């Protein structure tokens, strides 16, 4: 087990899991899963090379998913990420206000589509994103980010339930 796997990760912090708690000890029994979840977050939200989808756009997409999934913890997290990046103007757009940017509106509409009705994400939607400068790699990354964030909200919800059960 690496030192990174032993310390709190983003999920531990967002779920409010104390480092010495039974739930933290349980999560540490699978350091590979913790490392992969954190690694996926890093690769999808804050990659070294974001391609044609900026870090701020990625955070706005993640914020939109958090809002759709009604996860206030992730919503607050991504608001803070955007504020820290000096992109607080993207918060309102990710939360449903018109952005004034057709590109950002297209990314957020695609986020809504993939989150709510993924079977409707067809070639026409891909062509629309290509029209805003995204290539196949970018579209795959955005789709992976959307799917990953829906997964993350469920992981966090499950851990909250376990934490409540442990408190009883």
C-alpha atoms as a PDB file:
ATOM      1  CA  UNK A   1       0.000   0.000   0.000  1.00  0.00           C
ATOM      2  CA  UNK A   2       1.399   3.392  -0.969  1.00  0.00           C
ATOM      3  CA  UNK A   3       1.400   6.419   1.264  1.00  0.00           C
ATOM      4  CA  UNK A   4      -0.999   8.083  -1.195  1.00  0.00           C
ATOM      5  CA  UNK A   5      -3.459   5.224  -0.778  1.00  0.00           C
ATOM      6  CA  UNK A   6      -3.312   5.592   2.985  1.00  0.00           C
ATOM      7  CA  UNK A   7      -4.161   9.299   3.204  1.00  0.00           C
ATOM      8  CA  UNK A   8      -7.581  10.775   2.528  1.00  0.00           C
ATOM      9  CA  UNK A   9      -8.548  11.048  -1.132  1.00  0.00           C
ATOM     10  CA  UNK A  10     -11.179  13.325  -2.636  1.00  0.00           C
ATOM     11  CA  UNK A  11     -13.991  10.878  -1.864  1.00  0.00           C
ATOM     12  CA  UNK A  12     -12.894  10.597   1.789  1.00  0.00           C
ATOM     13  CA  UNK A  13     -12.808  14.386   2.070  1.00  0.00           C
ATOM     14  CA  UNK A  14     -16.178  14.930   0.383  1.00  0.00           C
ATOM     15  CA  UNK A  15     -17.844  12.166   2.387  1.00  0.00           C
ATOM     16  CA  UNK A  16     -16.313  13.492   5.616  1.00  0.00           C
ATOM     17  CA  UNK A  17     -14.668  10.162   6.387  1.00  0.00           C
ATOM     18  CA  UNK A  18     -12.257  10.531   9.302  1.00  0.00           C
ATOM     19  CA  UNK A  19      -8.845   8.930   8.606  1.00  0.00           C
ATOM     20  CA  UNK A  20      -9.038   6.501  11.531  1.00  0.00           C
ATOM     21  CA  UNK A  21     -12.724   5.642  11.151  1.00  0.00           C
ATOM     22  CA  UNK A  22     -13.940   2.115  10.392  1.00  0.00           C
ATOM     23  CA  UNK A  23     -15.159   3.317   6.993  1.00  0.00           C
ATOM     24  CA  UNK A  24     -11.706   4.723   6.138  1.00  0.00           C
ATOM     25  CA  UNK A  25     -10.128   1.446   7.226  1.00  0.00           C
ATOM     26  CA  UNK A  26     -12.612  -0.435   5.052  1.00  0.00           C
ATOM     27  CA  UNK A  27     -11.804   1.732   2.029  1.00  0.00           C
ATOM     28  CA  UNK A  28      -8.083   1.225   2.610  1.00  0.00           C
ATOM     29  CA  UNK A  29      -8.536  -2.525   2.215  1.00  0.00           C
ATOM     30  CA  UNK A  30      -8.847  -1.846  -1.528  1.00  0.00           C
ATOM     31  CA  UNK A  31      -6.061   0.648  -2.264  1.00  0.00           C
ATOM     32  CA  UNK A  32      -6.168  -0.247  -5.956  1.00  0.00           C
ATOM     33  CA  UNK A  33      -9.784   0.876  -6.247  1.00  0.00           C
ATOM     34  CA  UNK A  34      -9.125   4.089  -4.327  1.00  0.00           C
ATOM     35  CA  UNK A  35      -6.092   4.843  -6.489  1.00  0.00           C
ATOM     36  CA  UNK A  36      -7.982   4.135  -9.714  1.00  0.00           C
ATOM     37  CA  UNK A  37     -10.933   6.308  -8.708  1.00  0.00           C
ATOM     38  CA  UNK A  38      -8.647   9.197  -7.774  1.00  0.00           C
ATOM     39  CA  UNK A  39      -6.563   8.607 -10.897  1.00  0.00           C
ATOM     40  CA  UNK A  40      -9.658   8.686 -13.099  1.00  0.00           C
ATOM     41  CA  UNK A  41     -10.730  11.947 -11.478  1.00  0.00           C
ATOM     42  CA  UNK A  42      -7.299  13.450 -12.122  1.00  0.00           C
ATOM     43  CA  UNK A  43      -7.191  12.193 -15.722  1.00  0.00           C
ATOM     44  CA  UNK A  44     -10.693  13.384 -16.592  1.00  0.00           C
ATOM     45  CA  UNK A  45     -11.049  16.619 -14.609  1.00  0.00           C
ATOM     46  CA  UNK A  46      -7.460  17.857 -14.441  1.00  0.00           C
ATOM     47  CA  UNK A  47      -5.373  16.087 -17.100  1.00  0.00           C
ATOM     48  CA  UNK A  48      -1.891  17.357 -17.982  1.00  0.00           C
ATOM     49  CA  UNK A  49      -3.085  17.786 -21.589  1.00  0.00           C
ATOM     50  CA  UNK A  50      -6.776  18.687 -21.657  1.00  0.00           C
ATOM     51  CA  UNK A  51      -6.942  18.667 -25.446  1.00  0.00           C
ATOM     52  CA  UNK A  52      -9.573  21.022 -26.787  1.00  0.00           C
ATOM     53  CA  UNK A  53     -11.691  20.903 -23.621  1.00  0.00           C
ATOM     54  CA  UNK A  54     -10.207  23.224 -21.006  1.00  0.00           C
ATOM     55  CA  UNK A  55      -9.892  22.372 -17.337  1.00  0.00           C
ATOM     56  CA  UNK A  56     -12.577  24.983 -16.583  1.00  0.00           C
ATOM     57  CA  UNK A  57     -14.954  23.463 -19.158  1.00  0.00           C
ATOM     58  CA  UNK A  58     -14.335  20.036 -17.652  1.00  0.00           C
ATOM     59  CA  UNK A  59     -15.138  21.379 -14.171  1.00  0.00           C
ATOM     60  CA  UNK A  60     -18.303  23.024 -15.544  1.00  0.00           C
ATOM     61  CA  UNK A  61     -19.356  19.697 -17.093  1.00  0.00           C
ATOM     62  CA  UNK A  62     -18.698  17.923 -13.781  1.00  0.00           C
ATOM     63  CA  UNK A  63     -20.662  20.609 -11.928  1.00  0.00           C
ATOM     64  CA  UNK A  64     -23.572  20.142 -14.330  1.00  0.00           C
ATOM     65  CA  UNK A  65     -23.585  16.380 -13.677  1.00  0.00           C
ATOM     66  CA  UNK A  66     -23.444  17.005  -9.920  1.00  0.00           C
ATOM     67  CA  UNK A  67     -26.464  19.301 -10.220  1.00  0.00           C
ATOM     68  CA  UNK A  68     -28.395  16.797 -12.354  1.00  0.00           C
ATOM     69  CA  UNK A  69     -27.597  14.069  -9.834  1.00  0.00           C
ATOM     70  CA  UNK A  70     -28.568  16.440  -6.988  1.00  0.00           C
ATOM     71  CA  UNK A  71     -25.292  15.953  -5.171  1.00  0.00           C
ATOM     72  CA  UNK A  72     -24.704  19.112  -3.156  1.00  0.00           C
ATOM     73  CA  UNK A  73     -21.247  18.018  -1.995  1.00  0.00           C
ATOM     74  CA  UNK A  74     -19.896  17.601  -5.527  1.00  0.00           C
ATOM     75  CA  UNK A  75     -21.783  20.748  -6.572  1.00  0.00           C
ATOM     76  CA  UNK A  76     -19.972  22.754  -3.899  1.00  0.00           C
ATOM     77  CA  UNK A  77     -16.667  21.096  -4.790  1.00  0.00           C
ATOM     78  CA  UNK A  78     -16.881  22.045  -8.461  1.00  0.00           C
ATOM     79  CA  UNK A  79     -18.106  25.555  -7.690  1.00  0.00           C
ATOM     80  CA  UNK A  80     -14.943  25.939  -5.617  1.00  0.00           C
ATOM     81  CA  UNK A  81     -12.793  24.453  -8.400  1.00  0.00           C
ATOM     82  CA  UNK A  82     -14.210  26.952 -10.892  1.00  0.00           C
ATOM     83  CA  UNK A  83     -13.872  29.861  -8.456  1.00  0.00           C
ATOM     84  CA  UNK A  84     -10.234  28.933  -7.754  1.00  0.00           C
ATOM     85  CA  UNK A  85      -9.572  28.786 -11.503  1.00  0.00           C
ATOM     86  CA  UNK A  86     -11.006  32.268 -11.948  1.00  0.00           C
ATOM     87  CA  UNK A  87     -13.887  30.812 -13.959  1.00  0.00           C
ATOM     88  CA  UNK A  88     -16.774  31.641 -11.656  1.00  0.00           C
ATOM     89  CA  UNK A  89     -18.710  32.826 -14.733  1.00  0.00           C
ATOM     90  CA  UNK A  90     -18.982  29.165 -15.745  1.00  0.00           C
ATOM     91  CA  UNK A  91     -20.772  28.304 -12.498  1.00  0.00           C
ATOM     92  CA  UNK A  92     -23.983  30.076 -13.529  1.00  0.00           C
ATOM     93  CA  UNK A  93     -23.903  28.395 -16.945  1.00  0.00           C
ATOM     94  CA  UNK A  94     -23.317  24.963 -15.424  1.00  0.00           C
ATOM     95  CA  UNK A  95     -26.231  25.602 -13.112  1.00  0.00           C
ATOM     96  CA  UNK A  96     -28.586  26.363 -15.976  1.00  0.00           C
ATOM     97  CA  UNK A  97     -28.178  30.029 -16.937  1.00  0.00           C
ATOM     98  CA  UNK A  98     -27.449  30.945 -20.543  1.00  0.00           C
ATOM     99  CA  UNK A  99     -23.700  31.292 -20.896  1.00  0.00           C
ATOM    100  CA  UNK A 100     -23.475  33.505 -23.938  1.00  0.00           C
ATOM    101  CA  UNK A 101     -21.034  30.931 -25.343  1.00  0.00           C
ATOM    102  CA  UNK A 102     -22.541  28.620 -27.976  1.00  0.00           C
ATOM    103  CA  UNK A 103     -19.637  26.206 -27.426  1.00  0.00           C
ATOM    104  CA  UNK A 104     -20.178  25.959 -23.654  1.00  0.00           C
ATOM    105  CA  UNK A 105     -23.934  25.698 -24.192  1.00  0.00           C
ATOM    106  CA  UNK A 106     -23.308  22.798 -26.606  1.00  0.00           C
ATOM    107  CA  UNK A 107     -21.036  21.034 -24.095  1.00  0.00           C
ATOM    108  CA  UNK A 108     -23.606  21.433 -21.335  1.00  0.00           C
ATOM    109  CA  UNK A 109     -26.474  20.324 -23.591  1.00  0.00           C
ATOM    110  CA  UNK A 110     -24.413  17.247 -24.471  1.00  0.00           C
ATOM    111  CA  UNK A 111     -23.854  16.693 -20.738  1.00  0.00           C
ATOM    112  CA  UNK A 112     -27.606  16.841 -20.130  1.00  0.00           C
ATOM    113  CA  UNK A 113     -28.233  14.425 -22.975  1.00  0.00           C
ATOM    114  CA  UNK A 114     -25.627  11.850 -21.946  1.00  0.00           C
ATOM    115  CA  UNK A 115     -26.593  12.069 -18.282  1.00  0.00           C
ATOM    116  CA  UNK A 116     -30.326  11.733 -18.830  1.00  0.00           C
ATOM    117  CA  UNK A 117     -30.791   9.884 -22.135  1.00  0.00           C
ATOM    118  CA  UNK A 118     -27.438   8.482 -23.287  1.00  0.00           C
ATOM    119  CA  UNK A 119     -29.055   6.431 -26.043  1.00  0.00           C
ATOM    120  CA  UNK A 120     -29.878   9.702 -27.822  1.00  0.00           C
ATOM    121  CA  UNK A 121     -26.221  10.752 -28.111  1.00  0.00           C
ATOM    122  CA  UNK A 122     -25.883  10.022 -31.809  1.00  0.00           C
ATOM    123  CA  UNK A 123     -23.693  11.002 -34.762  1.00  0.00           C
ATOM    124  CA  UNK A 124     -25.564  14.302 -35.116  1.00  0.00           C
ATOM    125  CA  UNK A 125     -24.584  15.271 -31.558  1.00  0.00           C
ATOM    126  CA  UNK A 126     -20.966  14.302 -32.238  1.00  0.00           C
ATOM    127  CA  UNK A 127     -20.965  16.418 -35.405  1.00  0.00           C
ATOM    128  CA  UNK A 128     -22.311  19.350 -33.414  1.00  0.00           C
ATOM    129  CA  UNK A 129     -19.423  19.076 -30.947  1.00  0.00           C
ATOM    130  CA  UNK A 130     -16.925  18.735 -33.814  1.00  0.00           C
ATOM    131  CA  UNK A 131     -18.305  22.020 -35.117  1.00  0.00           C
ATOM    132  CA  UNK A 132     -17.067  23.646 -31.922  1.00  0.00           C
ATOM    133  CA  UNK A 133     -13.509  22.369 -32.375  1.00  0.00           C
ATOM    134  CA  UNK A 134     -13.676  19.080 -30.505  1.00  0.00           C
ATOM    135  CA  UNK A 135     -12.042  16.031 -32.030  1.00  0.00           C
ATOM    136  CA  UNK A 136     -12.821  12.361 -31.354  1.00  0.00           C
ATOM    137  CA  UNK A 137     -10.419  12.282 -28.380  1.00  0.00           C
ATOM    138  CA  UNK A 138     -12.163  15.283 -26.804  1.00  0.00           C
ATOM    139  CA  UNK A 139     -15.645  13.836 -27.313  1.00  0.00           C
ATOM    140  CA  UNK A 140     -14.579  10.543 -25.744  1.00  0.00           C
ATOM    141  CA  UNK A 141     -13.005  12.410 -22.804  1.00  0.00           C
ATOM    142  CA  UNK A 142     -16.162  14.473 -22.244  1.00  0.00           C
ATOM    143  CA  UNK A 143     -18.339  11.363 -22.422  1.00  0.00           C
ATOM    144  CA  UNK A 144     -16.041   9.537 -20.004  1.00  0.00           C
ATOM    145  CA  UNK A 145     -16.130  12.515 -17.630  1.00  0.00           C
ATOM    146  CA  UNK A 146     -19.927  12.551 -17.651  1.00  0.00           C
ATOM    147  CA  UNK A 147     -20.110   8.801 -17.004  1.00  0.00           C
ATOM    148  CA  UNK A 148     -17.434   8.987 -14.324  1.00  0.00           C
ATOM    149  CA  UNK A 149     -19.200  11.785 -12.476  1.00  0.00           C
ATOM    150  CA  UNK A 150     -22.475   9.863 -12.386  1.00  0.00           C
ATOM    151  CA  UNK A 151     -20.476   6.957 -10.943  1.00  0.00           C
ATOM    152  CA  UNK A 152     -18.734   9.233  -8.412  1.00  0.00           C
ATOM    153  CA  UNK A 153     -22.032  10.618  -7.142  1.00  0.00           C
ATOM    154  CA  UNK A 154     -23.220   7.062  -6.518  1.00  0.00           C
ATOM    155  CA  UNK A 155     -20.002   6.098  -4.747  1.00  0.00           C
ATOM    156  CA  UNK A 156     -20.369   9.130  -2.507  1.00  0.00           C
ATOM    157  CA  UNK A 157     -24.052   8.359  -1.847  1.00  0.00           C
ATOM    158  CA  UNK A 158     -23.196   4.771  -0.889  1.00  0.00           C
ATOM    159  CA  UNK A 159     -20.449   5.895   1.461  1.00  0.00           C
ATOM    160  CA  UNK A 160     -22.800   8.376   3.098  1.00  0.00           C
ATOM    161  CA  UNK A 161     -25.244   5.546   3.776  1.00  0.00           C
ATOM    162  CA  UNK A 162     -22.481   3.371   5.235  1.00  0.00           C
ATOM    163  CA  UNK A 163     -21.301   6.280   7.369  1.00  0.00           C
ATOM    164  CA  UNK A 164     -24.843   6.800   8.708  1.00  0.00           C
ATOM    165  CA  UNK A 165     -25.181   3.086   9.448  1.00  0.00           C
ATOM    166  CA  UNK A 166     -21.857   3.066  11.296  1.00  0.00           C
ATOM    167  CA  UNK A 167     -23.004   6.020  13.403  1.00  0.00           C
ATOM    168  CA  UNK A 168     -26.035   4.086  14.686  1.00  0.00           C
END
